[in-house]
Amino acid sequence: MKNNEKKIKTNDDLIKELLSVDEQNKLYCEIEKEVKSIRGGARAGAGRKKKDSNNVLKFQVRVTEKEKMFLNYARSHNLNYDDLMQG
């Protein structure tokens, strides 16, 4: 930057210069409140929820009562499905 050029002041710079710390906090709270009230603005709790790594997804298949009984039998007797399908 050249010596004769002035640094451009931002809104934050002016707020820090002109307002006390309490006034700055009050202003920022009001701004945050206004942003939250505008539709489509960033809101607390907006967006996708984080997945819990301990929560395993459950896979569900619709089966008849007879198929359900067979699956329970096969699981309890440790049947090898590969051997059954070979015929």
PDB file of N, CA and C in Angstrom:
ATOM      1  N   MET A   1       0.848  -1.166   0.000  1.00  0.00           N
ATOM      2  CA  MET A   1       0.000   0.000   0.000  1.00  0.00           C
ATOM      3  C   MET A   1       0.898   1.235   0.000  1.00  0.00           C
ATOM      4  N   LYS A   2       0.540   2.219  -0.792  1.00  0.00           N
ATOM      5  CA  LYS A   2       1.331   3.437  -0.886  1.00  0.00           C
ATOM      6  C   LYS A   2       1.037   4.333   0.314  1.00  0.00           C
ATOM      7  N   ASN A   3       1.947   5.248   0.603  1.00  0.00           N
ATOM      8  CA  ASN A   3       1.816   6.130   1.769  1.00  0.00           C
ATOM      9  C   ASN A   3       0.632   7.085   1.656  1.00  0.00           C
ATOM     10  N   ASN A   4       0.302   7.529   0.447  1.00  0.00           N
ATOM     11  CA  ASN A   4      -0.759   8.507   0.298  1.00  0.00           C
ATOM     12  C   ASN A   4      -2.160   7.876   0.237  1.00  0.00           C
ATOM     13  N   GLU A   5      -2.261   6.552   0.177  1.00  0.00           N
ATOM     14  CA  GLU A   5      -3.549   5.873   0.162  1.00  0.00           C
ATOM     15  C   GLU A   5      -4.028   5.636   1.589  1.00  0.00           C
ATOM     16  N   LYS A   6      -5.321   5.863   1.815  1.00  0.00           N
ATOM     17  CA  LYS A   6      -5.895   5.626   3.133  1.00  0.00           C
ATOM     18  C   LYS A   6      -6.452   4.216   3.189  1.00  0.00           C
ATOM     19  N   LYS A   7      -6.369   3.633   4.369  1.00  0.00           N
ATOM     20  CA  LYS A   7      -6.956   2.315   4.569  1.00  0.00           C
ATOM     21  C   LYS A   7      -8.474   2.478   4.657  1.00  0.00           C
ATOM     22  N   ILE A   8      -9.201   1.627   3.934  1.00  0.00           N
ATOM     23  CA  ILE A   8     -10.654   1.687   3.943  1.00  0.00           C
ATOM     24  C   ILE A   8     -11.150   1.093   5.259  1.00  0.00           C
ATOM     25  N   LYS A   9     -12.058   1.811   5.916  1.00  0.00           N
ATOM     26  CA  LYS A   9     -12.605   1.335   7.179  1.00  0.00           C
ATOM     27  C   LYS A   9     -13.841   0.488   6.905  1.00  0.00           C
ATOM     28  N   THR A  10     -13.906  -0.621   7.592  1.00  0.00           N
ATOM     29  CA  THR A  10     -15.069  -1.497   7.465  1.00  0.00           C
ATOM     30  C   THR A  10     -16.108  -1.128   8.521  1.00  0.00           C
ATOM     31  N   ASN A  11     -17.280  -1.718   8.409  1.00  0.00           N
ATOM     32  CA  ASN A  11     -18.319  -1.481   9.410  1.00  0.00           C
ATOM     33  C   ASN A  11     -17.852  -1.919  10.795  1.00  0.00           C
ATOM     34  N   ASP A  12     -17.150  -3.030  10.849  1.00  0.00           N
ATOM     35  CA  ASP A  12     -16.645  -3.517  12.138  1.00  0.00           C
ATOM     36  C   ASP A  12     -15.653  -2.538  12.747  1.00  0.00           C
ATOM     37  N   ASP A  13     -14.803  -1.938  11.916  1.00  0.00           N
ATOM     38  CA  ASP A  13     -13.856  -0.943  12.418  1.00  0.00           C
ATOM     39  C   ASP A  13     -14.589   0.249  13.017  1.00  0.00           C
ATOM     40  N   LEU A  14     -15.603   0.728  12.317  1.00  0.00           N
ATOM     41  CA  LEU A  14     -16.375   1.877  12.807  1.00  0.00           C
ATOM     42  C   LEU A  14     -17.128   1.544  14.090  1.00  0.00           C
ATOM     43  N   ILE A  15     -17.681   0.348  14.166  1.00  0.00           N
ATOM     44  CA  ILE A  15     -18.400  -0.062  15.376  1.00  0.00           C
ATOM     45  C   ILE A  15     -17.444  -0.090  16.561  1.00  0.00           C
ATOM     46  N   LYS A  16     -16.238  -0.615  16.361  1.00  0.00           N
ATOM     47  CA  LYS A  16     -15.256  -0.674  17.444  1.00  0.00           C
ATOM     48  C   LYS A  16     -14.790   0.719  17.860  1.00  0.00           C
ATOM     49  N   GLU A  17     -14.688   1.626  16.906  1.00  0.00           N
ATOM     50  CA  GLU A  17     -14.250   2.996  17.200  1.00  0.00           C
ATOM     51  C   GLU A  17     -15.309   3.791  17.949  1.00  0.00           C
ATOM     52  N   LEU A  18     -16.570   3.665  17.506  1.00  0.00           N
ATOM     53  CA  LEU A  18     -17.605   4.577  17.977  1.00  0.00           C
ATOM     54  C   LEU A  18     -18.415   4.064  19.173  1.00  0.00           C
ATOM     55  N   LEU A  19     -18.449   2.746  19.398  1.00  0.00           N
ATOM     56  CA  LEU A  19     -19.311   2.197  20.433  1.00  0.00           C
ATOM     57  C   LEU A  19     -18.501   1.554  21.552  1.00  0.00           C
ATOM     58  N   SER A  20     -19.063   1.575  22.757  1.00  0.00           N
ATOM     59  CA  SER A  20     -18.433   0.888  23.883  1.00  0.00           C
ATOM     60  C   SER A  20     -18.633  -0.618  23.711  1.00  0.00           C
ATOM     61  N   VAL A  21     -17.985  -1.401  24.544  1.00  0.00           N
ATOM     62  CA  VAL A  21     -18.076  -2.859  24.456  1.00  0.00           C
ATOM     63  C   VAL A  21     -19.516  -3.311  24.694  1.00  0.00           C
ATOM     64  N   ASP A  22     -20.192  -2.718  25.686  1.00  0.00           N
ATOM     65  CA  ASP A  22     -21.585  -3.089  25.948  1.00  0.00           C
ATOM     66  C   ASP A  22     -22.484  -2.750  24.766  1.00  0.00           C
ATOM     67  N   GLU A  23     -22.268  -1.590  24.181  1.00  0.00           N
ATOM     68  CA  GLU A  23     -23.068  -1.175  23.024  1.00  0.00           C
ATOM     69  C   GLU A  23     -22.798  -2.086  21.821  1.00  0.00           C
ATOM     70  N   GLN A  24     -21.544  -2.505  21.664  1.00  0.00           N
ATOM     71  CA  GLN A  24     -21.195  -3.418  20.570  1.00  0.00           C
ATOM     72  C   GLN A  24     -21.921  -4.752  20.746  1.00  0.00           C
ATOM     73  N   ASN A  25     -21.889  -5.296  21.970  1.00  0.00           N
ATOM     74  CA  ASN A  25     -22.555  -6.574  22.239  1.00  0.00           C
ATOM     75  C   ASN A  25     -24.054  -6.466  21.982  1.00  0.00           C
ATOM     76  N   LYS A  26     -24.655  -5.363  22.425  1.00  0.00           N
ATOM     77  CA  LYS A  26     -26.093  -5.157  22.218  1.00  0.00           C
ATOM     78  C   LYS A  26     -26.408  -5.093  20.723  1.00  0.00           C
ATOM     79  N   LEU A  27     -25.590  -4.372  19.971  1.00  0.00           N
ATOM     80  CA  LEU A  27     -25.796  -4.240  18.529  1.00  0.00           C
ATOM     81  C   LEU A  27     -25.681  -5.592  17.834  1.00  0.00           C
ATOM     82  N   TYR A  28     -24.649  -6.370  18.182  1.00  0.00           N
ATOM     83  CA  TYR A  28     -24.465  -7.671  17.551  1.00  0.00           C
ATOM     84  C   TYR A  28     -25.615  -8.624  17.892  1.00  0.00           C
ATOM     85  N   CYS A  29     -26.139  -8.537  19.116  1.00  0.00           N
ATOM     86  CA  CYS A  29     -27.291  -9.364  19.495  1.00  0.00           C
ATOM     87  C   CYS A  29     -28.518  -8.998  18.667  1.00  0.00           C
ATOM     88  N   GLU A  30     -28.740  -7.711  18.478  1.00  0.00           N
ATOM     89  CA  GLU A  30     -29.876  -7.251  17.666  1.00  0.00           C
ATOM     90  C   GLU A  30     -29.729  -7.686  16.214  1.00  0.00           C
ATOM     91  N   ILE A  31     -28.516  -7.623  15.701  1.00  0.00           N
ATOM     92  CA  ILE A  31     -28.264  -8.048  14.318  1.00  0.00           C
ATOM     93  C   ILE A  31     -28.549  -9.544  14.168  1.00  0.00           C
ATOM     94  N   GLU A  32     -28.058 -10.334  15.119  1.00  0.00           N
ATOM     95  CA  GLU A  32     -28.283 -11.780  15.066  1.00  0.00           C
ATOM     96  C   GLU A  32     -29.775 -12.105  15.147  1.00  0.00           C
ATOM     97  N   LYS A  33     -30.481 -11.391  16.000  1.00  0.00           N
ATOM     98  CA  LYS A  33     -31.923 -11.589  16.142  1.00  0.00           C
ATOM     99  C   LYS A  33     -32.652 -11.255  14.831  1.00  0.00           C
ATOM    100  N   GLU A  34     -32.248 -10.183  14.181  1.00  0.00           N
ATOM    101  CA  GLU A  34     -32.866  -9.764  12.918  1.00  0.00           C
ATOM    102  C   GLU A  34     -32.592 -10.788  11.816  1.00  0.00           C
ATOM    103  N   VAL A  35     -31.372 -11.294  11.762  1.00  0.00           N
ATOM    104  CA  VAL A  35     -31.014 -12.280  10.733  1.00  0.00           C
ATOM    105  C   VAL A  35     -31.832 -13.548  10.920  1.00  0.00           C
ATOM    106  N   LYS A  36     -32.024 -13.975  12.180  1.00  0.00           N
ATOM    107  CA  LYS A  36     -32.797 -15.187  12.442  1.00  0.00           C
ATOM    108  C   LYS A  36     -34.256 -15.022  12.063  1.00  0.00           C
ATOM    109  N   SER A  37     -34.767 -13.802  12.145  1.00  0.00           N
ATOM    110  CA  SER A  37     -36.180 -13.584  11.848  1.00  0.00           C
ATOM    111  C   SER A  37     -36.474 -13.568  10.350  1.00  0.00           C
ATOM    112  N   ILE A  38     -35.451 -13.363   9.531  1.00  0.00           N
ATOM    113  CA  ILE A  38     -35.642 -13.306   8.086  1.00  0.00           C
ATOM    114  C   ILE A  38     -35.743 -14.727   7.545  1.00  0.00           C
ATOM    115  N   ARG A  39     -36.749 -14.962   6.752  1.00  0.00           N
ATOM    116  CA  ARG A  39     -36.955 -16.304   6.214  1.00  0.00           C
ATOM    117  C   ARG A  39     -35.768 -16.699   5.340  1.00  0.00           C
ATOM    118  N   GLY A  40     -35.269 -17.895   5.562  1.00  0.00           N
ATOM    119  CA  GLY A  40     -34.152 -18.404   4.779  1.00  0.00           C
ATOM    120  C   GLY A  40     -32.805 -18.079   5.370  1.00  0.00           C
ATOM    121  N   GLY A  41     -32.774 -17.341   6.462  1.00  0.00           N
ATOM    122  CA  GLY A  41     -31.508 -17.014   7.088  1.00  0.00           C
ATOM    123  C   GLY A  41     -30.966 -18.188   7.883  1.00  0.00           C
ATOM    124  N   ALA A  42     -29.730 -18.060   8.302  1.00  0.00           N
ATOM    125  CA  ALA A  42     -29.118 -19.119   9.095  1.00  0.00           C
ATOM    126  C   ALA A  42     -29.822 -19.187  10.444  1.00  0.00           C
ATOM    127  N   ARG A  43     -30.338 -20.362  10.779  1.00  0.00           N
ATOM    128  CA  ARG A  43     -31.060 -20.531  12.032  1.00  0.00           C
ATOM    129  C   ARG A  43     -30.435 -21.669  12.821  1.00  0.00           C
ATOM    130  N   ALA A  44     -30.567 -21.577  14.111  1.00  0.00           N
ATOM    131  CA  ALA A  44     -30.067 -22.661  14.960  1.00  0.00           C
ATOM    132  C   ALA A  44     -30.879 -23.918  14.665  1.00  0.00           C
ATOM    133  N   GLY A  45     -30.208 -25.040  14.484  1.00  0.00           N
ATOM    134  CA  GLY A  45     -30.890 -26.297  14.217  1.00  0.00           C
ATOM    135  C   GLY A  45     -31.264 -26.509  12.760  1.00  0.00           C
ATOM    136  N   ALA A  46     -30.919 -25.572  11.883  1.00  0.00           N
ATOM    137  CA  ALA A  46     -31.245 -25.726  10.467  1.00  0.00           C
ATOM    138  C   ALA A  46     -30.261 -26.698   9.822  1.00  0.00           C
ATOM    139  N   GLY A  47     -30.710 -27.377   8.800  1.00  0.00           N
ATOM    140  CA  GLY A  47     -29.826 -28.273   8.063  1.00  0.00           C
ATOM    141  C   GLY A  47     -29.966 -29.710   8.506  1.00  0.00           C
ATOM    142  N   ARG A  48     -29.137 -30.551   7.939  1.00  0.00           N
ATOM    143  CA  ARG A  48     -29.204 -31.978   8.238  1.00  0.00           C
ATOM    144  C   ARG A  48     -28.661 -32.263   9.623  1.00  0.00           C
ATOM    145  N   LYS A  49     -29.277 -33.219  10.265  1.00  0.00           N
ATOM    146  CA  LYS A  49     -28.831 -33.644  11.587  1.00  0.00           C
ATOM    147  C   LYS A  49     -27.632 -34.576  11.425  1.00  0.00           C
ATOM    148  N   LYS A  50     -26.729 -34.523  12.373  1.00  0.00           N
ATOM    149  CA  LYS A  50     -25.548 -35.386  12.343  1.00  0.00           C
ATOM    150  C   LYS A  50     -25.952 -36.808  12.689  1.00  0.00           C
ATOM    151  N   LYS A  51     -25.372 -37.753  11.989  1.00  0.00           N
ATOM    152  CA  LYS A  51     -25.636 -39.159  12.242  1.00  0.00           C
ATOM    153  C   LYS A  51     -24.804 -39.628  13.429  1.00  0.00           C
ATOM    154  N   ASP A  52     -25.414 -40.383  14.307  1.00  0.00           N
ATOM    155  CA  ASP A  52     -24.717 -40.972  15.436  1.00  0.00           C
ATOM    156  C   ASP A  52     -23.992 -42.217  14.943  1.00  0.00           C
ATOM    157  N   SER A  53     -22.694 -42.295  15.190  1.00  0.00           N
ATOM    158  CA  SER A  53     -21.917 -43.436  14.687  1.00  0.00           C
ATOM    159  C   SER A  53     -22.307 -44.735  15.380  1.00  0.00           C
ATOM    160  N   ASN A  54     -22.898 -44.652  16.568  1.00  0.00           N
ATOM    161  CA  ASN A  54     -23.319 -45.860  17.282  1.00  0.00           C
ATOM    162  C   ASN A  54     -24.678 -46.358  16.811  1.00  0.00           C
ATOM    163  N   ASN A  55     -25.414 -45.522  16.100  1.00  0.00           N
ATOM    164  CA  ASN A  55     -26.751 -45.880  15.648  1.00  0.00           C
ATOM    165  C   ASN A  55     -26.657 -46.595  14.302  1.00  0.00           C
ATOM    166  N   VAL A  56     -26.832 -47.887  14.318  1.00  0.00           N
ATOM    167  CA  VAL A  56     -26.734 -48.690  13.101  1.00  0.00           C
ATOM    168  C   VAL A  56     -28.104 -48.691  12.418  1.00  0.00           C
ATOM    169  N   LEU A  57     -28.104 -48.522  11.111  1.00  0.00           N
ATOM    170  CA  LEU A  57     -29.359 -48.541  10.364  1.00  0.00           C
ATOM    171  C   LEU A  57     -29.953 -49.941  10.379  1.00  0.00           C
ATOM    172  N   LYS A  58     -31.266 -49.991  10.412  1.00  0.00           N
ATOM    173  CA  LYS A  58     -31.950 -51.280  10.412  1.00  0.00           C
ATOM    174  C   LYS A  58     -32.475 -51.552   9.005  1.00  0.00           C
ATOM    175  N   PHE A  59     -32.273 -52.777   8.546  1.00  0.00           N
ATOM    176  CA  PHE A  59     -32.713 -53.176   7.220  1.00  0.00           C
ATOM    177  C   PHE A  59     -33.976 -54.006   7.387  1.00  0.00           C
ATOM    178  N   GLN A  60     -35.047 -53.582   6.754  1.00  0.00           N
ATOM    179  CA  GLN A  60     -36.306 -54.296   6.889  1.00  0.00           C
ATOM    180  C   GLN A  60     -36.766 -54.828   5.547  1.00  0.00           C
ATOM    181  N   VAL A  61     -37.235 -56.081   5.569  1.00  0.00           N
ATOM    182  CA  VAL A  61     -37.775 -56.726   4.379  1.00  0.00           C
ATOM    183  C   VAL A  61     -39.127 -57.308   4.767  1.00  0.00           C
ATOM    184  N   ARG A  62     -40.113 -57.097   3.923  1.00  0.00           N
ATOM    185  CA  ARG A  62     -41.423 -57.679   4.185  1.00  0.00           C
ATOM    186  C   ARG A  62     -41.442 -59.126   3.727  1.00  0.00           C
ATOM    187  N   VAL A  63     -41.782 -60.008   4.664  1.00  0.00           N
ATOM    188  CA  VAL A  63     -41.853 -61.432   4.355  1.00  0.00           C
ATOM    189  C   VAL A  63     -43.164 -61.986   4.910  1.00  0.00           C
ATOM    190  N   THR A  64     -43.549 -63.124   4.368  1.00  0.00           N
ATOM    191  CA  THR A  64     -44.757 -63.785   4.878  1.00  0.00           C
ATOM    192  C   THR A  64     -44.434 -64.438   6.223  1.00  0.00           C
ATOM    193  N   GLU A  65     -45.464 -64.852   6.924  1.00  0.00           N
ATOM    194  CA  GLU A  65     -45.265 -65.498   8.224  1.00  0.00           C
ATOM    195  C   GLU A  65     -44.458 -66.783   8.080  1.00  0.00           C
ATOM    196  N   LYS A  66     -44.724 -67.532   7.009  1.00  0.00           N
ATOM    197  CA  LYS A  66     -44.006 -68.792   6.770  1.00  0.00           C
ATOM    198  C   LYS A  66     -42.517 -68.516   6.512  1.00  0.00           C
ATOM    199  N   GLU A  67     -42.201 -67.474   5.705  1.00  0.00           N
ATOM    200  CA  GLU A  67     -40.808 -67.109   5.434  1.00  0.00           C
ATOM    201  C   GLU A  67     -40.108 -66.652   6.713  1.00  0.00           C
ATOM    202  N   LYS A  68     -40.852 -65.923   7.548  1.00  0.00           N
ATOM    203  CA  LYS A  68     -40.297 -65.448   8.811  1.00  0.00           C
ATOM    204  C   LYS A  68     -39.938 -66.633   9.715  1.00  0.00           C
ATOM    205  N   MET A  69     -40.817 -67.624   9.757  1.00  0.00           N
ATOM    206  CA  MET A  69     -40.550 -68.824  10.564  1.00  0.00           C
ATOM    207  C   MET A  69     -39.315 -69.553  10.044  1.00  0.00           C
ATOM    208  N   PHE A  70     -39.175 -69.661   8.710  1.00  0.00           N
ATOM    209  CA  PHE A  70     -38.011 -70.336   8.128  1.00  0.00           C
ATOM    210  C   PHE A  70     -36.722 -69.582   8.462  1.00  0.00           C
ATOM    211  N   LEU A  71     -36.741 -68.249   8.347  1.00  0.00           N
ATOM    212  CA  LEU A  71     -35.541 -67.463   8.648  1.00  0.00           C
ATOM    213  C   LEU A  71     -35.138 -67.618  10.114  1.00  0.00           C
ATOM    214  N   ASN A  72     -36.104 -67.605  11.010  1.00  0.00           N
ATOM    215  CA  ASN A  72     -35.796 -67.805  12.430  1.00  0.00           C
ATOM    216  C   ASN A  72     -35.208 -69.199  12.668  1.00  0.00           C
ATOM    217  N   TYR A  73     -35.785 -70.218  12.024  1.00  0.00           N
ATOM    218  CA  TYR A  73     -35.273 -71.588  12.145  1.00  0.00           C
ATOM    219  C   TYR A  73     -33.838 -71.670  11.615  1.00  0.00           C
ATOM    220  N   ALA A  74     -33.606 -71.075  10.429  1.00  0.00           N
ATOM    221  CA  ALA A  74     -32.284 -71.134   9.805  1.00  0.00           C
ATOM    222  C   ALA A  74     -31.240 -70.440  10.678  1.00  0.00           C
ATOM    223  N   ARG A  75     -31.601 -69.319  11.265  1.00  0.00           N
ATOM    224  CA  ARG A  75     -30.649 -68.604  12.133  1.00  0.00           C
ATOM    225  C   ARG A  75     -30.352 -69.399  13.393  1.00  0.00           C
ATOM    226  N   SER A  76     -31.399 -69.969  13.983  1.00  0.00           N
ATOM    227  CA  SER A  76     -31.195 -70.685  15.248  1.00  0.00           C
ATOM    228  C   SER A  76     -30.392 -71.974  15.049  1.00  0.00           C
ATOM    229  N   HIS A  77     -30.456 -72.573  13.849  1.00  0.00           N
ATOM    230  CA  HIS A  77     -29.721 -73.811  13.573  1.00  0.00           C
ATOM    231  C   HIS A  77     -28.460 -73.592  12.750  1.00  0.00           C
ATOM    232  N   ASN A  78     -28.054 -72.327  12.572  1.00  0.00           N
ATOM    233  CA  ASN A  78     -26.824 -71.976  11.846  1.00  0.00           C
ATOM    234  C   ASN A  78     -26.739 -72.637  10.476  1.00  0.00           C
ATOM    235  N   LEU A  79     -27.820 -72.573   9.715  1.00  0.00           N
ATOM    236  CA  LEU A  79     -27.814 -73.157   8.374  1.00  0.00           C
ATOM    237  C   LEU A  79     -26.946 -72.324   7.440  1.00  0.00           C
ATOM    238  N   ASN A  80     -26.209 -73.013   6.574  1.00  0.00           N
ATOM    239  CA  ASN A  80     -25.379 -72.359   5.586  1.00  0.00           C
ATOM    240  C   ASN A  80     -26.212 -72.154   4.318  1.00  0.00           C
ATOM    241  N   TYR A  81     -26.555 -70.930   4.024  1.00  0.00           N
ATOM    242  CA  TYR A  81     -27.415 -70.627   2.880  1.00  0.00           C
ATOM    243  C   TYR A  81     -26.755 -71.014   1.560  1.00  0.00           C
ATOM    244  N   ASP A  82     -25.447 -70.888   1.478  1.00  0.00           N
ATOM    245  CA  ASP A  82     -24.732 -71.238   0.237  1.00  0.00           C
ATOM    246  C   ASP A  82     -24.895 -72.725  -0.079  1.00  0.00           C
ATOM    247  N   ASP A  83     -24.788 -73.560   0.958  1.00  0.00           N
ATOM    248  CA  ASP A  83     -24.957 -75.002   0.750  1.00  0.00           C
ATOM    249  C   ASP A  83     -26.391 -75.331   0.331  1.00  0.00           C
ATOM    250  N   LEU A  84     -27.356 -74.665   0.924  1.00  0.00           N
ATOM    251  CA  LEU A  84     -28.760 -74.899   0.585  1.00  0.00           C
ATOM    252  C   LEU A  84     -29.061 -74.537  -0.859  1.00  0.00           C
ATOM    253  N   MET A  85     -28.453 -73.462  -1.332  1.00  0.00           N
ATOM    254  CA  MET A  85     -28.743 -73.002  -2.699  1.00  0.00           C
ATOM    255  C   MET A  85     -28.062 -73.852  -3.752  1.00  0.00           C
ATOM    256  N   GLN A  86     -27.041 -74.640  -3.387  1.00  0.00           N
ATOM    257  CA  GLN A  86     -26.367 -75.508  -4.349  1.00  0.00           C
ATOM    258  C   GLN A  86     -27.259 -76.675  -4.756  1.00  0.00           C
ATOM    259  N   GLY A  87     -28.218 -77.009  -3.921  1.00  0.00           N
ATOM    260  CA  GLY A  87     -29.179 -78.056  -4.278  1.00  0.00           C
ATOM    261  C   GLY A  87     -28.746 -79.332  -3.791  1.00  0.00           C
TER     262      GLY A  87
END
